[in-house]
Amino acid sequence: MSAPNHYIRDAEHINYGFLSVRAVEVFKKLKNKQTLSAEDNDILNRVVTFLSQIADGAELISAGSYQGCNAMASMDALNLAMGPLERLQDLIEDKDISAFFRQLFKDVQLLVSAKSKISTKNQKLLDTVIMFFEALSLSLLETIGSGKPRLGGTHDNAARVHEQLR
């Protein structure tokens, strides 16, 4: 099997870019105690899966443990998360990326299962998740926009689309 070409990588980045923009919208709805649609709930489930993959990738790197996760998907998810982490280093208090994402995954999973019970503690969690996914969307936008234009677009066009989606 050959290595993925840049078109496949761009498609993956675009997919996660859309997920990150929609995740911010949905978490803001949760924060404002607005009703979620079926599509919003699907986004939340995809976010939980994505955060689980990031946590698995971080654990695979830090501990070398492989607990039945899809190593390739987990490493790809962790790679995507590294851009936002550079912007959000203050969020990781103990400097253990694996523990940070494992806890974030667990907290978001609990939050998603109890959407209607947003507490003050959950408000801080929502702020953290919103900041992470905003940073992720910007990081992906920079990655997609760097270098030569691909798929017929330019960085300026991507930035305009990103702003319209916000």
N, C-alpha and C. Protein backbone atom coordinates (compact mmCIF):
# COMPACT_ATOMS: atom_id res chain seq x y z
N MET A 1 0.84 -1.17 0.00
CA MET A 1 0.00 0.00 0.00
C MET A 1 0.89 1.24 0.00
N SER A 2 0.59 2.17 -0.86
CA SER A 2 1.41 3.36 -0.94
C SER A 2 0.98 4.39 0.09
N ALA A 3 1.90 5.30 0.36
CA ALA A 3 1.61 6.37 1.34
C ALA A 3 0.55 7.30 0.78
N PRO A 4 -0.27 7.88 1.64
CA PRO A 4 -1.31 8.79 1.18
C PRO A 4 -0.70 10.01 0.50
N ASN A 5 -1.29 10.43 -0.60
CA ASN A 5 -0.79 11.62 -1.27
C ASN A 5 -1.40 12.87 -0.64
N HIS A 6 -0.95 14.02 -1.09
CA HIS A 6 -1.38 15.26 -0.46
C HIS A 6 -2.87 15.53 -0.67
N TYR A 7 -3.48 14.98 -1.72
CA TYR A 7 -4.92 15.19 -1.92
C TYR A 7 -5.73 14.46 -0.84
N ILE A 8 -5.29 13.26 -0.47
CA ILE A 8 -5.98 12.52 0.59
C ILE A 8 -5.79 13.25 1.92
N ARG A 9 -4.58 13.72 2.19
CA ARG A 9 -4.33 14.48 3.42
C ARG A 9 -5.19 15.74 3.46
N ASP A 10 -5.26 16.45 2.34
CA ASP A 10 -6.09 17.66 2.29
C ASP A 10 -7.55 17.32 2.58
N ALA A 11 -8.04 16.22 2.02
CA ALA A 11 -9.43 15.82 2.25
C ALA A 11 -9.65 15.50 3.73
N GLU A 12 -8.70 14.82 4.36
CA GLU A 12 -8.81 14.52 5.79
C GLU A 12 -8.81 15.81 6.61
N HIS A 13 -7.94 16.73 6.25
CA HIS A 13 -7.87 18.00 6.97
C HIS A 13 -9.15 18.79 6.79
N ILE A 14 -9.71 18.79 5.61
CA ILE A 14 -10.96 19.49 5.36
C ILE A 14 -12.08 18.86 6.19
N ASN A 15 -12.12 17.53 6.22
CA ASN A 15 -13.12 16.83 7.01
C ASN A 15 -13.03 17.22 8.49
N TYR A 16 -11.82 17.19 9.04
CA TYR A 16 -11.64 17.58 10.44
C TYR A 16 -11.86 19.08 10.64
N GLY A 17 -11.58 19.86 9.61
CA GLY A 17 -11.87 21.30 9.68
C GLY A 17 -13.35 21.56 9.83
N PHE A 18 -14.16 20.87 9.04
CA PHE A 18 -15.61 21.01 9.17
C PHE A 18 -16.08 20.53 10.53
N LEU A 19 -15.53 19.40 10.99
CA LEU A 19 -15.89 18.89 12.31
C LEU A 19 -15.56 19.91 13.39
N SER A 20 -14.39 20.52 13.31
CA SER A 20 -13.98 21.46 14.36
C SER A 20 -14.87 22.70 14.36
N VAL A 21 -15.22 23.21 13.19
CA VAL A 21 -16.10 24.39 13.13
C VAL A 21 -17.48 24.05 13.69
N ARG A 22 -18.01 22.91 13.29
CA ARG A 22 -19.33 22.49 13.79
C ARG A 22 -19.28 22.18 15.28
N ALA A 23 -18.17 21.61 15.76
CA ALA A 23 -18.04 21.31 17.18
C ALA A 23 -18.12 22.59 18.00
N VAL A 24 -17.46 23.64 17.54
CA VAL A 24 -17.52 24.92 18.25
C VAL A 24 -18.97 25.41 18.33
N GLU A 25 -19.69 25.32 17.21
CA GLU A 25 -21.10 25.75 17.19
C GLU A 25 -21.93 24.96 18.19
N VAL A 26 -21.75 23.65 18.19
CA VAL A 26 -22.56 22.78 19.06
C VAL A 26 -22.21 23.01 20.53
N PHE A 27 -20.93 23.14 20.85
CA PHE A 27 -20.56 23.37 22.24
C PHE A 27 -21.03 24.75 22.72
N LYS A 28 -21.08 25.71 21.83
CA LYS A 28 -21.64 27.02 22.20
C LYS A 28 -23.14 26.90 22.46
N LYS A 29 -23.82 26.07 21.67
CA LYS A 29 -25.24 25.81 21.93
C LYS A 29 -25.43 25.19 23.30
N LEU A 30 -24.58 24.20 23.62
CA LEU A 30 -24.66 23.56 24.94
C LEU A 30 -24.42 24.59 26.04
N LYS A 31 -23.44 25.42 25.84
CA LYS A 31 -23.11 26.44 26.84
C LYS A 31 -24.28 27.39 27.07
N ASN A 32 -24.99 27.71 25.99
CA ASN A 32 -26.14 28.61 26.08
C ASN A 32 -27.45 27.88 26.36
N LYS A 33 -27.33 26.57 26.64
CA LYS A 33 -28.48 25.73 26.98
C LYS A 33 -29.57 25.74 25.90
N GLN A 34 -29.11 25.73 24.63
CA GLN A 34 -30.02 25.67 23.50
C GLN A 34 -30.29 24.21 23.14
N THR A 35 -31.40 23.98 22.49
CA THR A 35 -31.78 22.64 22.06
C THR A 35 -30.86 22.18 20.93
N LEU A 36 -30.46 20.92 20.98
CA LEU A 36 -29.60 20.35 19.95
C LEU A 36 -30.41 19.52 18.97
N SER A 37 -30.01 19.61 17.71
CA SER A 37 -30.65 18.82 16.66
C SER A 37 -30.01 17.44 16.59
N ALA A 38 -30.57 16.58 15.77
CA ALA A 38 -30.00 15.24 15.57
C ALA A 38 -28.60 15.37 14.97
N GLU A 39 -28.41 16.33 14.07
CA GLU A 39 -27.09 16.55 13.47
C GLU A 39 -26.09 17.02 14.54
N ASP A 40 -26.55 17.89 15.45
CA ASP A 40 -25.69 18.34 16.54
C ASP A 40 -25.24 17.17 17.40
N ASN A 41 -26.16 16.26 17.69
CA ASN A 41 -25.82 15.07 18.48
C ASN A 41 -24.82 14.19 17.75
N ASP A 42 -24.96 14.09 16.44
CA ASP A 42 -24.00 13.34 15.64
C ASP A 42 -22.61 13.97 15.73
N ILE A 43 -22.56 15.29 15.67
CA ILE A 43 -21.28 16.00 15.81
C ILE A 43 -20.65 15.70 17.16
N LEU A 44 -21.46 15.72 18.22
CA LEU A 44 -20.94 15.42 19.56
C LEU A 44 -20.35 14.01 19.61
N ASN A 45 -21.02 13.06 19.00
CA ASN A 45 -20.51 11.68 18.99
C ASN A 45 -19.20 11.59 18.21
N ARG A 46 -19.10 12.34 17.11
CA ARG A 46 -17.85 12.35 16.33
C ARG A 46 -16.73 13.02 17.12
N VAL A 47 -17.06 14.05 17.89
CA VAL A 47 -16.07 14.72 18.73
C VAL A 47 -15.54 13.76 19.79
N VAL A 48 -16.44 13.02 20.42
CA VAL A 48 -16.02 12.06 21.44
C VAL A 48 -15.07 11.02 20.82
N THR A 49 -15.41 10.52 19.65
CA THR A 49 -14.54 9.55 18.97
C THR A 49 -13.19 10.16 18.65
N PHE A 50 -13.19 11.39 18.14
CA PHE A 50 -11.95 12.09 17.79
C PHE A 50 -11.08 12.30 19.03
N LEU A 51 -11.66 12.76 20.12
CA LEU A 51 -10.89 12.98 21.35
C LEU A 51 -10.35 11.66 21.89
N SER A 52 -11.11 10.59 21.75
CA SER A 52 -10.64 9.27 22.17
C SER A 52 -9.43 8.85 21.34
N GLN A 53 -9.48 9.11 20.04
CA GLN A 53 -8.35 8.77 19.16
C GLN A 53 -7.11 9.59 19.53
N ILE A 54 -7.30 10.87 19.83
CA ILE A 54 -6.16 11.71 20.24
C ILE A 54 -5.55 11.16 21.53
N ALA A 55 -6.41 10.84 22.50
CA ALA A 55 -5.93 10.30 23.78
C ALA A 55 -5.19 8.99 23.56
N ASP A 56 -5.73 8.13 22.70
CA ASP A 56 -5.06 6.85 22.41
C ASP A 56 -3.70 7.08 21.76
N GLY A 57 -3.64 8.03 20.82
CA GLY A 57 -2.37 8.35 20.17
C GLY A 57 -1.34 8.89 21.14
N ALA A 58 -1.78 9.77 22.05
CA ALA A 58 -0.87 10.34 23.05
C ALA A 58 -0.38 9.25 24.00
N GLU A 59 -1.26 8.33 24.37
CA GLU A 59 -0.87 7.23 25.25
C GLU A 59 0.09 6.28 24.54
N LEU A 60 -0.16 6.05 23.27
CA LEU A 60 0.72 5.19 22.48
C LEU A 60 2.13 5.76 22.44
N ILE A 61 2.24 7.07 22.29
CA ILE A 61 3.55 7.72 22.24
C ILE A 61 4.21 7.76 23.62
N SER A 62 3.44 8.18 24.63
CA SER A 62 4.04 8.39 25.95
C SER A 62 4.32 7.09 26.70
N ALA A 63 3.43 6.13 26.61
CA ALA A 63 3.59 4.90 27.39
C ALA A 63 3.96 3.70 26.53
N GLY A 64 3.80 3.84 25.24
CA GLY A 64 4.08 2.72 24.35
C GLY A 64 3.04 1.63 24.43
N SER A 65 1.90 1.93 25.09
CA SER A 65 0.87 0.91 25.23
C SER A 65 -0.10 0.96 24.06
N TYR A 66 -0.56 -0.20 23.70
CA TYR A 66 -1.47 -0.36 22.58
C TYR A 66 -2.68 -1.12 23.09
N GLN A 67 -3.74 -0.40 23.42
CA GLN A 67 -4.90 -1.04 24.04
C GLN A 67 -6.04 -1.23 23.06
N GLY A 68 -5.77 -1.91 21.99
CA GLY A 68 -6.82 -2.23 21.04
C GLY A 68 -7.28 -1.05 20.19
N CYS A 69 -6.54 0.03 20.21
CA CYS A 69 -6.94 1.19 19.40
C CYS A 69 -6.41 1.01 17.98
N ASN A 70 -6.98 1.77 17.08
CA ASN A 70 -6.48 1.82 15.72
C ASN A 70 -5.28 2.76 15.73
N ALA A 71 -4.09 2.18 15.72
CA ALA A 71 -2.87 2.97 15.90
C ALA A 71 -2.72 4.05 14.83
N MET A 72 -3.03 3.72 13.60
CA MET A 72 -2.88 4.69 12.51
C MET A 72 -3.83 5.88 12.71
N ALA A 73 -5.10 5.61 12.99
CA ALA A 73 -6.08 6.68 13.19
C ALA A 73 -5.72 7.50 14.43
N SER A 74 -5.25 6.83 15.48
CA SER A 74 -4.89 7.52 16.71
C SER A 74 -3.70 8.44 16.50
N MET A 75 -2.71 7.98 15.78
CA MET A 75 -1.53 8.81 15.52
C MET A 75 -1.88 9.98 14.61
N ASP A 76 -2.75 9.75 13.62
CA ASP A 76 -3.20 10.84 12.75
C ASP A 76 -3.95 11.89 13.56
N ALA A 77 -4.84 11.45 14.45
CA ALA A 77 -5.61 12.38 15.28
C ALA A 77 -4.68 13.18 16.20
N LEU A 78 -3.70 12.50 16.81
CA LEU A 78 -2.75 13.19 17.67
C LEU A 78 -1.94 14.21 16.87
N ASN A 79 -1.54 13.84 15.67
CA ASN A 79 -0.79 14.75 14.82
C ASN A 79 -1.60 16.02 14.54
N LEU A 80 -2.88 15.86 14.28
CA LEU A 80 -3.74 17.02 14.04
C LEU A 80 -3.87 17.89 15.28
N ALA A 81 -3.87 17.26 16.45
CA ALA A 81 -4.06 17.99 17.70
C ALA A 81 -2.82 18.76 18.13
N MET A 82 -1.67 18.43 17.59
CA MET A 82 -0.44 19.08 18.02
C MET A 82 -0.42 20.56 17.67
N GLY A 83 -0.98 20.94 16.55
CA GLY A 83 -1.04 22.36 16.17
C GLY A 83 -1.79 23.19 17.20
N PRO A 84 -3.01 22.80 17.56
CA PRO A 84 -3.74 23.54 18.59
C PRO A 84 -3.05 23.53 19.94
N LEU A 85 -2.37 22.43 20.27
CA LEU A 85 -1.72 22.36 21.58
C LEU A 85 -0.62 23.41 21.72
N GLU A 86 0.04 23.70 20.63
CA GLU A 86 1.08 24.73 20.67
C GLU A 86 0.46 26.08 21.04
N ARG A 87 -0.77 26.31 20.60
CA ARG A 87 -1.45 27.57 20.90
C ARG A 87 -2.06 27.58 22.31
N LEU A 88 -2.34 26.39 22.84
CA LEU A 88 -3.08 26.28 24.10
C LEU A 88 -2.27 25.63 25.21
N GLN A 89 -0.98 25.85 25.23
CA GLN A 89 -0.12 25.20 26.23
C GLN A 89 -0.54 25.51 27.66
N ASP A 90 -1.15 26.65 27.89
CA ASP A 90 -1.57 27.02 29.25
C ASP A 90 -2.66 26.09 29.78
N LEU A 91 -3.41 25.43 28.88
CA LEU A 91 -4.47 24.53 29.31
C LEU A 91 -3.94 23.25 29.93
N ILE A 92 -2.77 22.86 29.52
CA ILE A 92 -2.19 21.60 30.00
C ILE A 92 -1.32 21.92 31.21
N GLU A 93 -1.94 21.80 32.38
CA GLU A 93 -1.27 22.20 33.61
C GLU A 93 -0.13 21.28 34.00
N ASP A 94 -0.32 19.97 33.84
CA ASP A 94 0.72 19.04 34.29
C ASP A 94 1.66 18.61 33.18
N LYS A 95 1.53 19.18 32.03
CA LYS A 95 2.40 18.92 30.87
C LYS A 95 2.35 17.48 30.37
N ASP A 96 1.37 16.72 30.81
CA ASP A 96 1.20 15.35 30.35
C ASP A 96 0.08 15.35 29.31
N ILE A 97 0.46 15.34 28.06
CA ILE A 97 -0.51 15.43 26.97
C ILE A 97 -1.48 14.25 26.99
N SER A 98 -0.95 13.07 27.28
CA SER A 98 -1.78 11.88 27.33
C SER A 98 -2.86 12.02 28.39
N ALA A 99 -2.47 12.44 29.59
CA ALA A 99 -3.44 12.61 30.68
C ALA A 99 -4.43 13.71 30.37
N PHE A 100 -3.96 14.80 29.76
CA PHE A 100 -4.84 15.91 29.40
C PHE A 100 -5.94 15.44 28.46
N PHE A 101 -5.56 14.75 27.38
CA PHE A 101 -6.57 14.31 26.40
C PHE A 101 -7.43 13.17 26.94
N ARG A 102 -6.87 12.30 27.75
CA ARG A 102 -7.69 11.23 28.33
C ARG A 102 -8.77 11.84 29.23
N GLN A 103 -8.38 12.85 30.05
CA GLN A 103 -9.35 13.51 30.92
C GLN A 103 -10.35 14.33 30.11
N LEU A 104 -9.88 15.02 29.08
CA LEU A 104 -10.77 15.81 28.23
C LEU A 104 -11.79 14.89 27.56
N PHE A 105 -11.33 13.75 27.05
CA PHE A 105 -12.22 12.77 26.44
C PHE A 105 -13.28 12.30 27.43
N LYS A 106 -12.86 11.93 28.64
CA LYS A 106 -13.80 11.43 29.66
C LYS A 106 -14.80 12.52 30.04
N ASP A 107 -14.31 13.75 30.24
CA ASP A 107 -15.19 14.85 30.63
C ASP A 107 -16.21 15.18 29.54
N VAL A 108 -15.76 15.20 28.30
CA VAL A 108 -16.68 15.50 27.19
C VAL A 108 -17.67 14.37 27.02
N GLN A 109 -17.22 13.13 27.18
CA GLN A 109 -18.12 11.98 27.09
C GLN A 109 -19.23 12.09 28.14
N LEU A 110 -18.87 12.43 29.37
CA LEU A 110 -19.87 12.62 30.43
C LEU A 110 -20.79 13.80 30.12
N LEU A 111 -20.22 14.87 29.62
CA LEU A 111 -21.00 16.05 29.27
C LEU A 111 -22.02 15.72 28.18
N VAL A 112 -21.58 14.97 27.19
CA VAL A 112 -22.47 14.60 26.08
C VAL A 112 -23.61 13.72 26.57
N SER A 113 -23.32 12.84 27.52
CA SER A 113 -24.37 11.95 28.02
C SER A 113 -25.36 12.67 28.94
N ALA A 114 -24.97 13.82 29.49
CA ALA A 114 -25.85 14.57 30.40
C ALA A 114 -26.00 16.01 29.91
N LYS A 115 -26.33 16.17 28.63
CA LYS A 115 -26.40 17.49 27.99
C LYS A 115 -27.25 18.50 28.75
N SER A 116 -28.31 18.03 29.34
CA SER A 116 -29.26 18.95 29.96
C SER A 116 -28.80 19.45 31.32
N LYS A 117 -27.73 18.87 31.86
CA LYS A 117 -27.28 19.21 33.21
C LYS A 117 -25.93 19.91 33.16
N ILE A 118 -25.90 21.09 32.57
CA ILE A 118 -24.65 21.84 32.46
C ILE A 118 -24.42 22.61 33.76
N SER A 119 -23.37 22.23 34.47
CA SER A 119 -23.05 22.87 35.75
C SER A 119 -21.98 23.94 35.54
N THR A 120 -21.63 24.63 36.61
CA THR A 120 -20.57 25.63 36.54
C THR A 120 -19.25 25.00 36.15
N LYS A 121 -18.97 23.80 36.69
CA LYS A 121 -17.74 23.09 36.34
C LYS A 121 -17.72 22.79 34.84
N ASN A 122 -18.87 22.43 34.31
CA ASN A 122 -18.96 22.12 32.89
C ASN A 122 -18.78 23.35 32.02
N GLN A 123 -19.09 24.52 32.54
CA GLN A 123 -18.88 25.76 31.77
C GLN A 123 -17.39 25.92 31.44
N LYS A 124 -16.52 25.64 32.42
CA LYS A 124 -15.08 25.73 32.18
C LYS A 124 -14.65 24.68 31.15
N LEU A 125 -15.19 23.48 31.27
CA LEU A 125 -14.90 22.42 30.30
C LEU A 125 -15.34 22.85 28.90
N LEU A 126 -16.54 23.42 28.80
CA LEU A 126 -17.02 23.90 27.50
C LEU A 126 -16.09 24.96 26.93
N ASP A 127 -15.62 25.87 27.77
CA ASP A 127 -14.68 26.89 27.31
C ASP A 127 -13.40 26.26 26.78
N THR A 128 -12.89 25.25 27.49
CA THR A 128 -11.67 24.57 27.07
C THR A 128 -11.88 23.86 25.73
N VAL A 129 -12.99 23.15 25.60
CA VAL A 129 -13.27 22.42 24.36
C VAL A 129 -13.46 23.40 23.20
N ILE A 130 -14.16 24.47 23.45
CA ILE A 130 -14.37 25.48 22.40
C ILE A 130 -13.03 26.06 21.96
N MET A 131 -12.17 26.41 22.93
CA MET A 131 -10.84 26.94 22.58
C MET A 131 -10.03 25.93 21.78
N PHE A 132 -10.09 24.65 22.20
CA PHE A 132 -9.34 23.62 21.48
C PHE A 132 -9.82 23.51 20.03
N PHE A 133 -11.13 23.41 19.83
CA PHE A 133 -11.64 23.22 18.47
C PHE A 133 -11.51 24.49 17.62
N GLU A 134 -11.55 25.66 18.22
CA GLU A 134 -11.26 26.88 17.46
C GLU A 134 -9.81 26.88 17.01
N ALA A 135 -8.90 26.50 17.91
CA ALA A 135 -7.49 26.42 17.55
C ALA A 135 -7.24 25.34 16.51
N LEU A 136 -7.97 24.22 16.60
CA LEU A 136 -7.84 23.15 15.61
C LEU A 136 -8.27 23.63 14.24
N SER A 137 -9.38 24.34 14.16
CA SER A 137 -9.85 24.82 12.85
C SER A 137 -8.85 25.80 12.25
N LEU A 138 -8.27 26.67 13.07
CA LEU A 138 -7.26 27.61 12.56
C LEU A 138 -6.00 26.88 12.12
N SER A 139 -5.58 25.89 12.90
CA SER A 139 -4.39 25.11 12.55
C SER A 139 -4.60 24.37 11.23
N LEU A 140 -5.76 23.77 11.07
CA LEU A 140 -6.05 23.04 9.83
C LEU A 140 -6.14 24.00 8.65
N LEU A 141 -6.70 25.17 8.88
CA LEU A 141 -6.79 26.18 7.83
C LEU A 141 -5.39 26.59 7.37
N GLU A 142 -4.48 26.77 8.32
CA GLU A 142 -3.10 27.11 7.98
C GLU A 142 -2.43 25.97 7.23
N THR A 143 -2.67 24.73 7.67
CA THR A 143 -2.06 23.57 7.03
C THR A 143 -2.55 23.43 5.60
N ILE A 144 -3.85 23.56 5.41
CA ILE A 144 -4.42 23.43 4.08
C ILE A 144 -3.96 24.58 3.19
N GLY A 145 -3.86 25.77 3.77
CA GLY A 145 -3.51 26.96 2.99
C GLY A 145 -2.03 27.12 2.74
N SER A 146 -1.20 26.31 3.39
CA SER A 146 0.24 26.48 3.21
C SER A 146 0.69 25.85 1.90
N GLY A 147 1.77 26.37 1.39
CA GLY A 147 2.33 25.81 0.17
C GLY A 147 1.49 26.16 -1.04
N LYS A 148 1.57 25.32 -2.03
CA LYS A 148 0.85 25.57 -3.28
C LYS A 148 -0.63 25.30 -3.09
N PRO A 149 -1.46 26.09 -3.76
CA PRO A 149 -2.90 25.81 -3.70
C PRO A 149 -3.21 24.42 -4.23
N ARG A 150 -4.08 23.73 -3.52
CA ARG A 150 -4.49 22.39 -3.93
C ARG A 150 -5.99 22.38 -4.12
N LEU A 151 -6.46 21.48 -4.90
CA LEU A 151 -7.89 21.31 -5.14
C LEU A 151 -8.52 22.59 -5.68
N GLY A 152 -7.72 23.42 -6.35
CA GLY A 152 -8.24 24.61 -7.02
C GLY A 152 -8.51 25.79 -6.11
N GLY A 153 -8.13 25.73 -4.85
CA GLY A 153 -8.42 26.83 -3.94
C GLY A 153 -7.17 27.58 -3.55
N THR A 154 -7.39 28.69 -2.86
CA THR A 154 -6.28 29.47 -2.33
C THR A 154 -6.50 29.67 -0.85
N HIS A 155 -5.46 30.11 -0.17
CA HIS A 155 -5.55 30.37 1.26
C HIS A 155 -6.59 31.46 1.54
N ASP A 156 -6.62 32.51 0.70
CA ASP A 156 -7.59 33.59 0.90
C ASP A 156 -9.01 33.08 0.78
N ASN A 157 -9.27 32.21 -0.21
CA ASN A 157 -10.61 31.65 -0.36
C ASN A 157 -10.97 30.78 0.83
N ALA A 158 -10.03 29.99 1.31
CA ALA A 158 -10.28 29.13 2.47
C ALA A 158 -10.59 29.96 3.70
N ALA A 159 -9.86 31.06 3.87
CA ALA A 159 -10.11 31.94 5.02
C ALA A 159 -11.50 32.54 4.94
N ARG A 160 -11.94 32.95 3.75
CA ARG A 160 -13.27 33.52 3.58
C ARG A 160 -14.34 32.47 3.89
N VAL A 161 -14.15 31.26 3.42
CA VAL A 161 -15.11 30.18 3.70
C VAL A 161 -15.15 29.92 5.20
N HIS A 162 -13.98 29.88 5.82
CA HIS A 162 -13.91 29.64 7.27
C HIS A 162 -14.70 30.73 8.03
N GLU A 163 -14.52 31.97 7.65
CA GLU A 163 -15.24 33.06 8.32
C GLU A 163 -16.75 32.96 8.09
N GLN A 164 -17.16 32.54 6.90
CA GLN A 164 -18.59 32.42 6.61
C GLN A 164 -19.20 31.29 7.43
N LEU A 165 -18.43 30.24 7.73
CA LEU A 165 -18.94 29.13 8.50
C LEU A 165 -19.06 29.46 9.97
N ARG A 166 -18.37 30.48 10.42
CA ARG A 166 -18.40 30.84 11.84
C ARG A 166 -19.66 31.52 12.18
